[in-house]
Amino acid sequence: MASGYRLITIPPSHYCEKARWALDRVGVEYREEGHPPLFHRRATRRVGGGHTTPVLVAGDRVLPDSTDILEFLQEEHTAGWRPYPLDPLLREKAIELEELFDTRLGPHTRRLAYYHLLQDNHLFLESVLAGVDGTERSLFRLLAPVIKKLMRMGMRIDDEGAERSLGYLQDLFNEVGDLLSSGSEYLVGETFGAADLTFAALAAPVLLPRGYGSPLPSLDEVPTDLLAQIEEFRSTPAGVFALRIYRDHR
């Protein structure tokens, strides 16, 4: 069944990176189908997914969310790396952290990154169209002014929203730093797992780690204000941790 896996993505999406990383880590063969923002909806609906990516099509099963994909890999691919600990208490803790990162980390790193990228049309297009070919690429470029307005409205990307997200992220990075203050190498247990992967992947827009599964802007390309924030997050214990996770496990 694995040979027929299809992963429908917005390639630079950090939620898609979470799923892509897990699939790569397990060693599953899959074909990634990348689409630009908004254009992805036609592809996800066509296979029975919702409005968001990633969507994994695995035989007759459709997994419409990054966490669903990790849980599927846990159940169906038991020979190698498994995202979640087998110990029930550790698994519960890992799931709790994954949910925290999915709901509090991911939306705010996305908003903060887009807040800056949407102000630089070239950098924005280079980022969102990485891994996208053909007609969709051309149409997105043509419709970019309208799409950018829709993205700002849909994700509440404005000065107030960016400032609020920055504060949330600073608090959350401090929380993760506290979790690591005992000297633990990983967030849950003694091995790399879903909590570590999810934090590192969803923090990536404000860290720009090497090894990300889709091209990201380099540090010398990003706007000055964003670069200052990236350097701040990279210098925290949580940021150092996420960069190490990318270096050692991606």
C-alpha atoms as a PDB file:
ATOM      1  CA  MET A   1       0.000   0.000   0.000  1.00  0.00           C
ATOM      2  CA  ALA A   2       2.832   2.412   0.792  1.00  0.00           C
ATOM      3  CA  SER A   3       3.946   2.585  -2.824  1.00  0.00           C
ATOM      4  CA  GLY A   4       0.666   4.333  -3.676  1.00  0.00           C
ATOM      5  CA  TYR A   5       0.857   7.074  -1.042  1.00  0.00           C
ATOM      6  CA  ARG A   6       0.135  10.618  -2.212  1.00  0.00           C
ATOM      7  CA  LEU A   7       0.821  13.632  -0.019  1.00  0.00           C
ATOM      8  CA  ILE A   8      -1.072  16.743  -1.079  1.00  0.00           C
ATOM      9  CA  THR A   9       0.656  19.854   0.238  1.00  0.00           C
ATOM     10  CA  ILE A  10       1.318  23.523   0.126  1.00  0.00           C
ATOM     11  CA  PRO A  11       5.069  22.782  -0.034  1.00  0.00           C
ATOM     12  CA  PRO A  12       6.391  25.535   2.287  1.00  0.00           C
ATOM     13  CA  SER A  13       3.645  24.918   4.890  1.00  0.00           C
ATOM     14  CA  HIS A  14       5.095  23.921   8.247  1.00  0.00           C
ATOM     15  CA  TYR A  15       2.167  21.562   8.873  1.00  0.00           C
ATOM     16  CA  CYS A  16       3.049  19.866   5.593  1.00  0.00           C
ATOM     17  CA  GLU A  17       6.657  19.756   6.739  1.00  0.00           C
ATOM     18  CA  LYS A  18       5.516  17.982   9.903  1.00  0.00           C
ATOM     19  CA  ALA A  19       3.831  15.246   7.841  1.00  0.00           C
ATOM     20  CA  ARG A  20       6.606  15.071   5.231  1.00  0.00           C
ATOM     21  CA  TRP A  21       9.260  14.735   7.942  1.00  0.00           C
ATOM     22  CA  ALA A  22       7.365  11.920   9.661  1.00  0.00           C
ATOM     23  CA  LEU A  23       6.910  10.044   6.383  1.00  0.00           C
ATOM     24  CA  ASP A  24      10.597  10.450   5.599  1.00  0.00           C
ATOM     25  CA  ARG A  25      11.600   9.358   9.084  1.00  0.00           C
ATOM     26  CA  VAL A  26       9.477   6.205   8.907  1.00  0.00           C
ATOM     27  CA  GLY A  27      10.898   5.494   5.461  1.00  0.00           C
ATOM     28  CA  VAL A  28       7.599   5.467   3.606  1.00  0.00           C
ATOM     29  CA  GLU A  29       7.638   5.980  -0.147  1.00  0.00           C
ATOM     30  CA  TYR A  30       5.220   8.688  -1.268  1.00  0.00           C
ATOM     31  CA  ARG A  31       4.669  11.222  -4.016  1.00  0.00           C
ATOM     32  CA  GLU A  32       4.227  14.832  -2.984  1.00  0.00           C
ATOM     33  CA  GLU A  33       1.750  16.948  -4.955  1.00  0.00           C
ATOM     34  CA  GLY A  34       2.369  20.618  -4.239  1.00  0.00           C
ATOM     35  CA  HIS A  35      -0.161  23.402  -4.754  1.00  0.00           C
ATOM     36  CA  PRO A  36      -0.127  27.119  -3.934  1.00  0.00           C
ATOM     37  CA  PRO A  37      -2.350  28.550  -1.170  1.00  0.00           C
ATOM     38  CA  LEU A  38      -6.082  28.542  -2.087  1.00  0.00           C
ATOM     39  CA  PHE A  39      -5.405  26.464  -5.199  1.00  0.00           C
ATOM     40  CA  HIS A  40      -4.820  23.493  -2.901  1.00  0.00           C
ATOM     41  CA  ARG A  41      -8.517  23.257  -2.007  1.00  0.00           C
ATOM     42  CA  ARG A  42      -9.536  21.734  -5.310  1.00  0.00           C
ATOM     43  CA  ALA A  43      -6.984  18.958  -4.869  1.00  0.00           C
ATOM     44  CA  THR A  44      -7.849  18.210  -1.239  1.00  0.00           C
ATOM     45  CA  ARG A  45     -11.601  18.142  -1.863  1.00  0.00           C
ATOM     46  CA  ARG A  46     -11.155  15.900  -4.893  1.00  0.00           C
ATOM     47  CA  VAL A  47      -9.684  13.140  -2.721  1.00  0.00           C
ATOM     48  CA  GLY A  48     -12.138  13.578   0.155  1.00  0.00           C
ATOM     49  CA  GLY A  49     -10.138  15.914   2.369  1.00  0.00           C
ATOM     50  CA  GLY A  50     -11.138  19.297   3.757  1.00  0.00           C
ATOM     51  CA  HIS A  51      -9.917  22.827   3.194  1.00  0.00           C
ATOM     52  CA  THR A  52      -6.427  22.351   4.604  1.00  0.00           C
ATOM     53  CA  THR A  53      -3.181  20.562   3.857  1.00  0.00           C
ATOM     54  CA  PRO A  54      -1.508  18.166   4.296  1.00  0.00           C
ATOM     55  CA  VAL A  55      -3.719  15.336   3.089  1.00  0.00           C
ATOM     56  CA  LEU A  56      -2.288  11.833   2.788  1.00  0.00           C
ATOM     57  CA  VAL A  57      -4.001   9.394   0.450  1.00  0.00           C
ATOM     58  CA  ALA A  58      -2.975   5.878   1.470  1.00  0.00           C
ATOM     59  CA  GLY A  59      -4.860   3.317  -0.555  1.00  0.00           C
ATOM     60  CA  ASP A  60      -8.518   3.717   0.345  1.00  0.00           C
ATOM     61  CA  ARG A  61      -7.728   5.837   3.410  1.00  0.00           C
ATOM     62  CA  VAL A  62      -7.609   9.624   3.430  1.00  0.00           C
ATOM     63  CA  LEU A  63      -5.765  11.301   6.313  1.00  0.00           C
ATOM     64  CA  PRO A  64      -6.758  15.007   6.275  1.00  0.00           C
ATOM     65  CA  ASP A  65      -4.460  16.386   8.961  1.00  0.00           C
ATOM     66  CA  SER A  66      -0.812  16.203  10.003  1.00  0.00           C
ATOM     67  CA  THR A  67      -1.641  14.614  13.357  1.00  0.00           C
ATOM     68  CA  ASP A  68      -3.894  12.044  11.666  1.00  0.00           C
ATOM     69  CA  ILE A  69      -0.938  11.178   9.451  1.00  0.00           C
ATOM     70  CA  LEU A  70       1.411  10.652  12.411  1.00  0.00           C
ATOM     71  CA  GLU A  71      -1.181   8.465  14.147  1.00  0.00           C
ATOM     72  CA  PHE A  72      -1.623   6.448  10.946  1.00  0.00           C
ATOM     73  CA  LEU A  73       2.122   5.886  10.721  1.00  0.00           C
ATOM     74  CA  GLN A  74       2.156   4.772  14.354  1.00  0.00           C
ATOM     75  CA  GLU A  75      -0.539   2.169  13.641  1.00  0.00           C
ATOM     76  CA  GLU A  76       0.472   0.941  10.202  1.00  0.00           C
ATOM     77  CA  HIS A  77       4.283   1.121  10.184  1.00  0.00           C
ATOM     78  CA  THR A  78       5.543  -0.608  13.295  1.00  0.00           C
ATOM     79  CA  ALA A  79       8.895  -1.934  12.143  1.00  0.00           C
ATOM     80  CA  GLY A  80      10.964   1.249  12.398  1.00  0.00           C
ATOM     81  CA  TRP A  81      10.663   4.680  13.977  1.00  0.00           C
ATOM     82  CA  ARG A  82       7.339   5.349  15.665  1.00  0.00           C
ATOM     83  CA  PRO A  83       6.152   8.878  16.460  1.00  0.00           C
ATOM     84  CA  TYR A  84       4.638   8.151  19.854  1.00  0.00           C
ATOM     85  CA  PRO A  85       6.029   6.328  22.911  1.00  0.00           C
ATOM     86  CA  LEU A  86       4.560   2.938  23.702  1.00  0.00           C
ATOM     87  CA  ASP A  87       4.293   3.788  27.387  1.00  0.00           C
ATOM     88  CA  PRO A  88       0.717   5.120  27.924  1.00  0.00           C
ATOM     89  CA  LEU A  89       1.708   7.966  30.237  1.00  0.00           C
ATOM     90  CA  LEU A  90       4.500   9.155  27.955  1.00  0.00           C
ATOM     91  CA  ARG A  91       2.218   8.851  24.934  1.00  0.00           C
ATOM     92  CA  GLU A  92      -0.407  10.984  26.653  1.00  0.00           C
ATOM     93  CA  LYS A  93       2.208  13.648  27.385  1.00  0.00           C
ATOM     94  CA  ALA A  94       3.478  13.581  23.798  1.00  0.00           C
ATOM     95  CA  ILE A  95      -0.052  13.970  22.416  1.00  0.00           C
ATOM     96  CA  GLU A  96      -0.730  16.841  24.799  1.00  0.00           C
ATOM     97  CA  LEU A  97       2.378  18.698  23.644  1.00  0.00           C
ATOM     98  CA  GLU A  98       1.650  17.967  19.997  1.00  0.00           C
ATOM     99  CA  GLU A  99      -1.830  19.467  20.398  1.00  0.00           C
ATOM    100  CA  LEU A 100      -0.361  22.513  22.135  1.00  0.00           C
ATOM    101  CA  PHE A 101       2.094  23.080  19.296  1.00  0.00           C
ATOM    102  CA  ASP A 102      -0.532  22.444  16.604  1.00  0.00           C
ATOM    103  CA  THR A 103      -2.952  24.971  18.067  1.00  0.00           C
ATOM    104  CA  ARG A 104      -0.695  27.615  19.630  1.00  0.00           C
ATOM    105  CA  LEU A 105       2.649  27.445  17.859  1.00  0.00           C
ATOM    106  CA  GLY A 106       1.766  26.752  14.230  1.00  0.00           C
ATOM    107  CA  PRO A 107      -0.807  29.521  13.641  1.00  0.00           C
ATOM    108  CA  HIS A 108       1.368  32.195  15.208  1.00  0.00           C
ATOM    109  CA  THR A 109       4.639  31.338  13.454  1.00  0.00           C
ATOM    110  CA  ARG A 110       2.697  31.293  10.176  1.00  0.00           C
ATOM    111  CA  ARG A 111       1.068  34.672  10.818  1.00  0.00           C
ATOM    112  CA  LEU A 112       4.320  36.310  11.884  1.00  0.00           C
ATOM    113  CA  ALA A 113       6.239  34.995   8.876  1.00  0.00           C
ATOM    114  CA  TYR A 114       3.530  35.960   6.379  1.00  0.00           C
ATOM    115  CA  TYR A 115       3.212  39.395   7.960  1.00  0.00           C
ATOM    116  CA  HIS A 116       6.747  40.124   6.807  1.00  0.00           C
ATOM    117  CA  LEU A 117       6.808  38.088   3.581  1.00  0.00           C
ATOM    118  CA  LEU A 118       3.613  39.643   2.218  1.00  0.00           C
ATOM    119  CA  GLN A 119       5.393  42.999   2.225  1.00  0.00           C
ATOM    120  CA  ASP A 120       8.063  41.665  -0.155  1.00  0.00           C
ATOM    121  CA  ASN A 121       6.327  40.393  -3.286  1.00  0.00           C
ATOM    122  CA  HIS A 122       9.387  38.697  -4.779  1.00  0.00           C
ATOM    123  CA  LEU A 123      10.243  36.838  -1.584  1.00  0.00           C
ATOM    124  CA  PHE A 124       6.606  35.919  -1.013  1.00  0.00           C
ATOM    125  CA  LEU A 125       6.210  34.414  -4.496  1.00  0.00           C
ATOM    126  CA  GLU A 126       9.535  32.583  -4.313  1.00  0.00           C
ATOM    127  CA  SER A 127       8.481  31.036  -1.005  1.00  0.00           C
ATOM    128  CA  VAL A 128       4.900  29.974  -1.743  1.00  0.00           C
ATOM    129  CA  LEU A 129       5.588  28.760  -5.274  1.00  0.00           C
ATOM    130  CA  ALA A 130       8.526  26.531  -4.358  1.00  0.00           C
ATOM    131  CA  GLY A 131       7.648  23.045  -5.555  1.00  0.00           C
ATOM    132  CA  VAL A 132       4.705  24.239  -7.680  1.00  0.00           C
ATOM    133  CA  ASP A 133       4.744  23.881 -11.457  1.00  0.00           C
ATOM    134  CA  GLY A 134       2.553  24.465 -14.455  1.00  0.00           C
ATOM    135  CA  THR A 135      -0.691  26.378 -14.781  1.00  0.00           C
ATOM    136  CA  GLU A 136      -1.199  26.891 -11.056  1.00  0.00           C
ATOM    137  CA  ARG A 137       2.135  28.657 -10.793  1.00  0.00           C
ATOM    138  CA  SER A 138       1.255  31.063 -13.605  1.00  0.00           C
ATOM    139  CA  LEU A 139      -2.277  31.699 -12.319  1.00  0.00           C
ATOM    140  CA  PHE A 140      -1.066  32.334  -8.794  1.00  0.00           C
ATOM    141  CA  ARG A 141       1.377  34.964 -10.033  1.00  0.00           C
ATOM    142  CA  LEU A 142      -1.409  36.629 -12.005  1.00  0.00           C
ATOM    143  CA  LEU A 143      -3.840  36.585  -9.079  1.00  0.00           C
ATOM    144  CA  ALA A 144      -1.268  37.282  -6.361  1.00  0.00           C
ATOM    145  CA  PRO A 145      -2.578  40.768  -5.425  1.00  0.00           C
ATOM    146  CA  VAL A 146      -6.058  39.378  -4.752  1.00  0.00           C
ATOM    147  CA  ILE A 147      -4.749  36.262  -3.018  1.00  0.00           C
ATOM    148  CA  LYS A 148      -2.549  38.329  -0.725  1.00  0.00           C
ATOM    149  CA  LYS A 149      -5.587  40.353   0.349  1.00  0.00           C
ATOM    150  CA  LEU A 150      -7.540  37.161   1.022  1.00  0.00           C
ATOM    151  CA  MET A 151      -4.657  35.719   3.047  1.00  0.00           C
ATOM    152  CA  ARG A 152      -4.405  38.882   5.140  1.00  0.00           C
ATOM    153  CA  MET A 153      -8.123  38.751   5.848  1.00  0.00           C
ATOM    154  CA  GLY A 154      -8.354  35.005   6.421  1.00  0.00           C
ATOM    155  CA  MET A 155      -5.401  34.800   8.819  1.00  0.00           C
ATOM    156  CA  ARG A 156      -5.862  38.286  10.320  1.00  0.00           C
ATOM    157  CA  ILE A 157      -2.432  39.334   9.205  1.00  0.00           C
ATOM    158  CA  ASP A 158      -2.012  42.938  10.316  1.00  0.00           C
ATOM    159  CA  ASP A 159       0.111  44.996  12.705  1.00  0.00           C
ATOM    160  CA  GLU A 160      -1.976  44.065  15.725  1.00  0.00           C
ATOM    161  CA  GLY A 161      -2.089  40.380  14.834  1.00  0.00           C
ATOM    162  CA  ALA A 162       1.667  40.205  14.243  1.00  0.00           C
ATOM    163  CA  GLU A 163       2.400  41.876  17.570  1.00  0.00           C
ATOM    164  CA  ARG A 164       0.042  39.527  19.356  1.00  0.00           C
ATOM    165  CA  SER A 165       1.610  36.484  17.683  1.00  0.00           C
ATOM    166  CA  LEU A 166       5.095  37.644  18.612  1.00  0.00           C
ATOM    167  CA  GLY A 167       4.071  37.798  22.265  1.00  0.00           C
ATOM    168  CA  TYR A 168       2.439  34.367  22.168  1.00  0.00           C
ATOM    169  CA  LEU A 169       5.543  32.871  20.590  1.00  0.00           C
ATOM    170  CA  GLN A 170       7.897  34.429  23.097  1.00  0.00           C
ATOM    171  CA  ASP A 171       5.810  32.963  25.920  1.00  0.00           C
ATOM    172  CA  LEU A 172       5.627  29.536  24.304  1.00  0.00           C
ATOM    173  CA  PHE A 173       9.349  29.406  23.567  1.00  0.00           C
ATOM    174  CA  ASN A 174       9.899  30.212  27.253  1.00  0.00           C
ATOM    175  CA  GLU A 175       7.556  27.359  28.238  1.00  0.00           C
ATOM    176  CA  VAL A 176       9.459  24.906  26.054  1.00  0.00           C
ATOM    177  CA  GLY A 177      12.729  26.207  27.456  1.00  0.00           C
ATOM    178  CA  ASP A 178      11.433  25.460  30.955  1.00  0.00           C
ATOM    179  CA  LEU A 179      10.571  21.901  29.877  1.00  0.00           C
ATOM    180  CA  LEU A 180      14.154  21.452  28.697  1.00  0.00           C
ATOM    181  CA  SER A 181      15.747  23.089  31.746  1.00  0.00           C
ATOM    182  CA  SER A 182      16.246  19.746  33.510  1.00  0.00           C
ATOM    183  CA  GLY A 183      18.789  18.834  30.847  1.00  0.00           C
ATOM    184  CA  SER A 184      16.513  16.497  28.918  1.00  0.00           C
ATOM    185  CA  GLU A 185      17.606  15.783  25.365  1.00  0.00           C
ATOM    186  CA  TYR A 186      14.003  15.397  24.186  1.00  0.00           C
ATOM    187  CA  LEU A 187      10.642  16.767  25.242  1.00  0.00           C
ATOM    188  CA  VAL A 188       9.140  13.377  26.097  1.00  0.00           C
ATOM    189  CA  GLY A 189      11.099  10.314  27.151  1.00  0.00           C
ATOM    190  CA  GLU A 190      14.567   9.497  25.947  1.00  0.00           C
ATOM    191  CA  THR A 191      14.078   9.289  22.181  1.00  0.00           C
ATOM    192  CA  PHE A 192      13.080  11.588  19.335  1.00  0.00           C
ATOM    193  CA  GLY A 193       9.335  11.596  18.840  1.00  0.00           C
ATOM    194  CA  ALA A 194       6.213  13.424  17.729  1.00  0.00           C
ATOM    195  CA  ALA A 195       6.506  16.227  20.285  1.00  0.00           C
ATOM    196  CA  ASP A 196      10.058  17.087  19.207  1.00  0.00           C
ATOM    197  CA  LEU A 197       9.255  16.836  15.505  1.00  0.00           C
ATOM    198  CA  THR A 198       6.108  18.938  15.830  1.00  0.00           C
ATOM    199  CA  PHE A 199       7.801  21.701  17.782  1.00  0.00           C
ATOM    200  CA  ALA A 200      10.759  21.878  15.397  1.00  0.00           C
ATOM    201  CA  ALA A 201       8.617  21.800  12.243  1.00  0.00           C
ATOM    202  CA  LEU A 202       6.059  24.345  13.415  1.00  0.00           C
ATOM    203  CA  ALA A 203       8.739  26.654  14.806  1.00  0.00           C
ATOM    204  CA  ALA A 204      10.613  26.613  11.485  1.00  0.00           C
ATOM    205  CA  PRO A 205       9.107  29.836  10.043  1.00  0.00           C
ATOM    206  CA  VAL A 206      10.768  31.842  12.829  1.00  0.00           C
ATOM    207  CA  LEU A 207      14.003  29.813  12.847  1.00  0.00           C
ATOM    208  CA  LEU A 208      14.703  29.035   9.157  1.00  0.00           C
ATOM    209  CA  PRO A 209      16.524  25.766   9.924  1.00  0.00           C
ATOM    210  CA  ARG A 210      18.727  23.935   7.477  1.00  0.00           C
ATOM    211  CA  GLY A 211      17.187  20.731   6.208  1.00  0.00           C
ATOM    212  CA  TYR A 212      13.613  21.969   5.844  1.00  0.00           C
ATOM    213  CA  GLY A 213      11.763  19.896   3.261  1.00  0.00           C
ATOM    214  CA  SER A 214      10.897  22.844   1.007  1.00  0.00           C
ATOM    215  CA  PRO A 215      13.092  25.840   0.091  1.00  0.00           C
ATOM    216  CA  LEU A 216      12.969  28.642   2.657  1.00  0.00           C
ATOM    217  CA  PRO A 217      14.391  32.153   2.362  1.00  0.00           C
ATOM    218  CA  SER A 218      17.977  32.465   3.522  1.00  0.00           C
ATOM    219  CA  LEU A 219      18.847  34.651   6.485  1.00  0.00           C
ATOM    220  CA  ASP A 220      20.335  37.302   4.211  1.00  0.00           C
ATOM    221  CA  GLU A 221      17.105  37.504   2.178  1.00  0.00           C
ATOM    222  CA  VAL A 222      14.509  38.093   4.890  1.00  0.00           C
ATOM    223  CA  PRO A 223      13.389  41.595   5.899  1.00  0.00           C
ATOM    224  CA  THR A 224      15.403  43.245   8.657  1.00  0.00           C
ATOM    225  CA  ASP A 225      12.589  43.191  11.212  1.00  0.00           C
ATOM    226  CA  LEU A 226      11.945  39.493  10.658  1.00  0.00           C
ATOM    227  CA  LEU A 227      15.654  38.710  10.811  1.00  0.00           C
ATOM    228  CA  ALA A 228      15.880  40.351  14.245  1.00  0.00           C
ATOM    229  CA  GLN A 229      13.013  38.190  15.480  1.00  0.00           C
ATOM    230  CA  ILE A 230      14.528  35.045  13.982  1.00  0.00           C
ATOM    231  CA  GLU A 231      17.837  35.737  15.679  1.00  0.00           C
ATOM    232  CA  GLU A 232      16.016  36.278  18.968  1.00  0.00           C
ATOM    233  CA  PHE A 233      14.174  32.946  18.709  1.00  0.00           C
ATOM    234  CA  ARG A 234      17.288  31.100  17.553  1.00  0.00           C
ATOM    235  CA  SER A 235      19.148  32.258  20.661  1.00  0.00           C
ATOM    236  CA  THR A 236      16.605  30.861  23.137  1.00  0.00           C
ATOM    237  CA  PRO A 237      16.984  27.368  24.658  1.00  0.00           C
ATOM    238  CA  ALA A 238      13.882  26.275  22.734  1.00  0.00           C
ATOM    239  CA  GLY A 239      15.276  27.647  19.475  1.00  0.00           C
ATOM    240  CA  VAL A 240      18.650  25.967  20.029  1.00  0.00           C
ATOM    241  CA  PHE A 241      16.761  22.739  20.727  1.00  0.00           C
ATOM    242  CA  ALA A 242      14.693  22.934  17.524  1.00  0.00           C
ATOM    243  CA  LEU A 243      17.762  23.644  15.389  1.00  0.00           C
ATOM    244  CA  ARG A 244      19.523  20.652  16.977  1.00  0.00           C
ATOM    245  CA  ILE A 245      16.503  18.454  16.249  1.00  0.00           C
ATOM    246  CA  TYR A 246      16.698  19.484  12.595  1.00  0.00           C
ATOM    247  CA  ARG A 247      20.442  18.872  12.499  1.00  0.00           C
ATOM    248  CA  ASP A 248      20.282  15.456  14.133  1.00  0.00           C
ATOM    249  CA  HIS A 249      16.982  14.033  12.911  1.00  0.00           C
ATOM    250  CA  ARG A 250      16.009  15.651   9.625  1.00  0.00           C
END
